[in-house]
Protein backbone atom coordinates (compact mmCIF):
# COMPACT_ATOMS: atom_id res chain seq x y z
CA MET A 1 54.59 -187.46 77.35
CA SER A 2 57.11 -188.76 79.84
CA LYS A 3 56.97 -192.31 81.49
CA MET A 4 56.31 -190.51 84.75
CA HIS A 5 53.32 -188.80 83.45
CA VAL A 6 52.01 -192.05 82.14
CA VAL A 7 52.43 -193.76 85.44
CA HIS A 8 50.77 -190.99 87.41
CA GLY A 9 47.82 -190.98 85.01
CA SER A 10 47.45 -194.73 85.31
CA ILE A 11 47.27 -194.73 89.15
CA ALA A 12 44.83 -191.84 88.96
CA MET A 13 42.42 -193.76 86.64
CA ILE A 14 42.68 -196.99 88.96
CA LEU A 15 42.20 -195.23 92.34
CA GLY A 16 39.46 -192.98 91.03
CA CYS A 17 37.21 -195.75 89.69
CA SER A 18 35.62 -196.58 93.07
CA THR A 19 35.88 -196.66 96.84
CA VAL A 20 35.98 -199.35 99.44
CA ASN A 21 34.23 -197.72 102.50
CA ALA A 22 30.47 -197.53 103.14
CA ALA A 23 29.47 -194.13 101.66
CA ILE A 24 26.42 -193.59 103.75
CA ILE A 25 25.65 -194.70 107.18
CA GLN A 26 22.54 -193.80 109.34
CA ASN A 27 23.11 -195.49 112.66
CA GLU A 28 20.97 -195.70 115.86
CA ALA A 29 22.24 -192.56 117.41
CA ASN A 30 18.71 -191.36 117.98
CA PRO A 31 16.27 -194.33 117.99
CA LEU A 32 12.55 -193.70 117.94
CA GLY A 33 10.85 -196.98 117.11
CA SER A 34 10.21 -199.52 114.31
CA ILE A 35 7.67 -199.67 111.40
CA ALA A 36 6.18 -202.79 110.03
CA ILE A 37 6.45 -203.59 106.28
CA PHE A 38 3.95 -205.43 104.09
CA ALA A 39 3.55 -206.42 100.50
CA TYR A 40 0.96 -203.58 99.85
CA ASP A 41 2.57 -201.00 102.02
CA PRO A 42 6.26 -200.15 101.08
CA VAL A 43 8.52 -198.40 103.49
CA GLY A 44 11.55 -196.63 102.10
CA GLN A 45 14.51 -193.96 102.52
CA SER A 46 15.82 -191.53 100.16
CA PHE A 47 19.48 -190.77 99.95
CA ILE A 48 22.13 -188.85 97.92
CA ALA A 49 24.57 -190.92 95.86
CA GLU A 50 28.18 -190.42 96.84
CA ASP A 51 29.63 -193.13 94.54
CA ALA A 52 28.99 -193.98 90.90
CA THR A 53 28.62 -197.69 91.26
CA LEU A 54 26.26 -199.19 93.87
CA GLY A 55 27.17 -202.35 95.71
CA GLN A 56 24.72 -203.03 98.54
CA ILE A 57 21.94 -201.31 100.47
CA ALA A 58 21.02 -202.40 104.01
CA PHE A 59 18.36 -201.53 106.50
CA LYS A 60 18.07 -202.42 110.12
CA PHE A 61 15.35 -205.11 110.42
CA GLN A 62 13.63 -205.99 113.61
CA ARG A 63 11.60 -209.01 114.61
CA TYR A 64 8.33 -207.99 116.16
CA THR A 65 7.35 -211.25 117.81
CA SER A 66 9.00 -214.75 118.51
CA ASN A 67 6.13 -216.42 116.67
CA PRO A 68 7.04 -219.24 114.39
CA ALA A 69 8.62 -218.20 111.06
CA GLY A 70 6.45 -216.97 108.23
CA ASP A 71 7.32 -215.94 104.69
CA ARG A 72 10.66 -214.17 105.04
CA ASN A 73 11.09 -212.97 101.37
CA VAL A 74 11.67 -209.12 101.27
CA THR A 75 11.78 -207.18 98.19
CA MET A 76 14.01 -204.12 98.09
CA THR A 77 13.37 -201.63 94.94
CA LEU A 78 15.65 -198.75 93.96
CA TYR A 79 13.85 -195.75 92.51
CA GLN A 80 15.30 -192.72 90.89
CA GLY A 81 14.44 -189.50 92.82
CA ASN A 82 12.81 -188.73 96.11
CA GLY A 83 10.05 -191.25 96.84
CA ILE A 84 8.69 -194.36 95.09
CA GLY A 85 7.17 -192.65 92.21
CA GLY A 86 10.19 -192.54 90.10
CA THR A 87 11.79 -194.83 87.53
CA VAL A 88 12.62 -198.17 88.89
CA LEU A 89 16.37 -198.87 88.53
CA ALA A 90 16.71 -202.31 90.06
CA SER A 91 14.75 -204.70 92.29
CA VAL A 92 16.23 -207.48 94.58
CA THR A 93 14.16 -210.24 96.38
CA LYS A 94 15.99 -211.95 99.30
CA ASP A 95 15.05 -214.58 101.57
CA ILE A 96 16.23 -213.12 105.01
CA SER A 97 15.13 -216.17 107.10
CA PRO A 98 18.75 -217.49 107.61
CA VAL A 99 19.61 -214.26 109.62
CA PHE A 100 16.20 -213.04 110.81
CA ASN A 101 14.85 -216.37 112.24
CA THR A 102 17.86 -216.36 114.68
CA LEU A 103 16.67 -213.13 116.16
CA GLY A 104 14.71 -212.99 119.44
CA GLU A 105 11.65 -210.87 120.06
CA TYR A 106 12.42 -207.18 119.10
CA GLU A 107 15.98 -207.98 118.37
CA THR A 108 17.45 -206.17 115.24
CA VAL A 109 20.07 -206.67 112.63
CA PHE A 110 21.38 -205.00 109.48
CA ILE A 111 20.76 -207.06 106.32
CA ASP A 112 22.35 -206.12 103.06
CA PHE A 113 20.61 -206.42 99.58
CA ASP A 114 23.21 -206.84 96.76
CA PHE A 115 22.58 -204.32 93.80
CA GLY A 116 25.55 -205.75 91.83
CA GLY A 117 27.07 -202.65 90.46
CA THR A 118 24.04 -200.60 89.52
CA ASN A 119 25.28 -197.22 88.07
CA LEU A 120 24.20 -194.04 89.96
CA VAL A 121 24.89 -190.34 89.37
CA VAL A 122 26.91 -188.86 92.13
CA GLY A 123 24.85 -186.10 93.72
CA ASP A 124 21.54 -187.37 92.54
CA THR A 125 18.70 -188.54 94.89
CA TYR A 126 17.58 -192.09 94.93
CA THR A 127 15.09 -194.01 97.14
CA ALA A 128 15.27 -197.62 98.32
CA ALA A 129 11.94 -199.19 99.53
CA VAL A 130 11.07 -202.55 100.87
CA THR A 131 7.95 -204.75 100.92
CA ALA A 132 7.30 -208.11 102.67
CA SER A 133 4.41 -210.49 103.32
CA ASP A 134 5.28 -211.25 106.90
CA TYR A 135 3.72 -208.81 109.45
CA GLN A 136 6.49 -209.76 111.95
CA ILE A 137 9.15 -207.97 109.91
CA ALA A 138 9.81 -204.34 110.78
CA ILE A 139 12.59 -201.55 110.34
CA ARG A 140 14.17 -199.38 112.85
CA TYR A 141 14.01 -195.61 112.36
CA GLY A 142 15.07 -192.58 114.29
CA SER A 143 15.12 -188.74 114.32
CA ASP A 144 16.30 -186.92 111.20
CA SER A 145 20.11 -187.26 111.55
CA TYR A 146 20.69 -187.85 107.88
CA THR A 147 20.16 -184.64 106.12
CA GLY A 148 20.45 -185.97 102.42
CA GLY A 149 17.06 -187.78 102.40
CA GLN A 150 13.94 -188.89 104.24
CA MET A 151 11.84 -191.77 105.38
CA PHE A 152 8.76 -192.80 103.42
CA TYR A 153 5.76 -194.67 104.69
CA ASN A 154 2.01 -195.00 104.23
CA PRO A 155 0.53 -191.76 105.57
CA SER A 156 -2.45 -193.65 106.99
CA LYS A 157 -0.04 -195.03 109.55
CA THR A 158 0.15 -193.13 112.82
CA LEU A 159 3.67 -192.69 114.08
CA SER A 160 3.32 -190.32 116.96
CA ASN A 161 7.02 -189.58 117.47
CA CYS A 162 7.52 -189.18 113.57
CA SER A 163 5.22 -186.79 112.11
CA PRO A 164 5.67 -185.63 109.37
CA ALA A 165 7.89 -188.53 107.90
CA SER A 166 10.58 -185.93 106.98
CA ASP A 167 11.33 -185.61 110.77
CA CYS A 168 12.73 -189.28 110.61
CA ASP A 169 15.21 -191.58 108.79
CA LEU A 170 15.26 -195.28 108.48
CA PHE A 171 18.59 -197.06 109.81
CA PHE A 172 20.36 -197.82 106.73
CA ARG A 173 23.69 -198.00 105.01
CA VAL A 174 24.70 -197.72 101.38
CA THR A 175 28.00 -199.41 100.26
CA PRO A 176 29.68 -198.89 96.90
CA VAL A 177 31.31 -201.52 94.85
CA PRO A 178 34.88 -202.16 96.31
CA ILE A 179 37.97 -202.08 94.01
CA PRO A 180 38.97 -205.64 93.14
CA ALA A 181 42.20 -206.71 95.07
CA ALA A 182 43.94 -207.21 91.68
CA LEU A 183 43.59 -203.58 90.87
CA TRP A 184 44.90 -202.53 94.32
CA LEU A 185 48.04 -204.81 93.65
CA PHE A 186 48.42 -203.20 90.21
CA GLY A 187 48.25 -199.86 91.76
CA SER A 188 50.78 -200.72 94.33
CA GLY A 189 53.15 -202.01 91.62
CA LEU A 190 52.89 -198.59 89.76
CA VAL A 191 53.73 -196.80 92.89
CA GLY A 192 56.85 -198.91 93.16
CA LEU A 193 57.69 -197.92 89.40
CA ILE A 194 57.45 -194.28 90.38
CA GLY A 195 59.91 -194.86 93.11
CA VAL A 196 62.37 -196.48 90.86
CA ALA A 197 61.98 -193.73 88.22
CA ARG A 198 62.54 -191.02 90.75
CA ARG A 199 65.89 -192.84 92.03
CA ARG A 200 67.15 -193.09 88.37
CA SER A 201 66.35 -189.46 87.76
């Protein structure tokens, strides 16, 4: 095997191990409303994995009222499959008060939960669901603009503009683990070696 083939193979391995952009984004192009979350009543969203290593998942949280701060601990759980009946892959509890308490009444913000490199199977379906003990915390949702999944919530809740739930999606984003800067530098160096090898040949 030539040195050129070794160099090309090394670069392919480095650049193929991850990605740096957000793999999935569902924004507020078609907003319909918001839904409150509770400890006994999870709200979730399914999605199709586009990257093998998960970094963060975010929902767009909304503050219902300007009442004094309550318990701002929110738990996000990642399930295998479509819905919250599958195997639990990871769970992250986060105090969102540093960001959430700066919001005014009905203001919204994306808040990321770090899943620290959880392994996914590209093309498989997963569901992220959240619970919280403070009734003031809600999540924004809109019409079904993300075709790779659906919103999940307690069917006893009545959402007149979102029935059935499959007609809606939570506003969310899924971000893969980025390639470390050192690997990018190493890859750049290998590209330089290719240029040198070509000139010599």
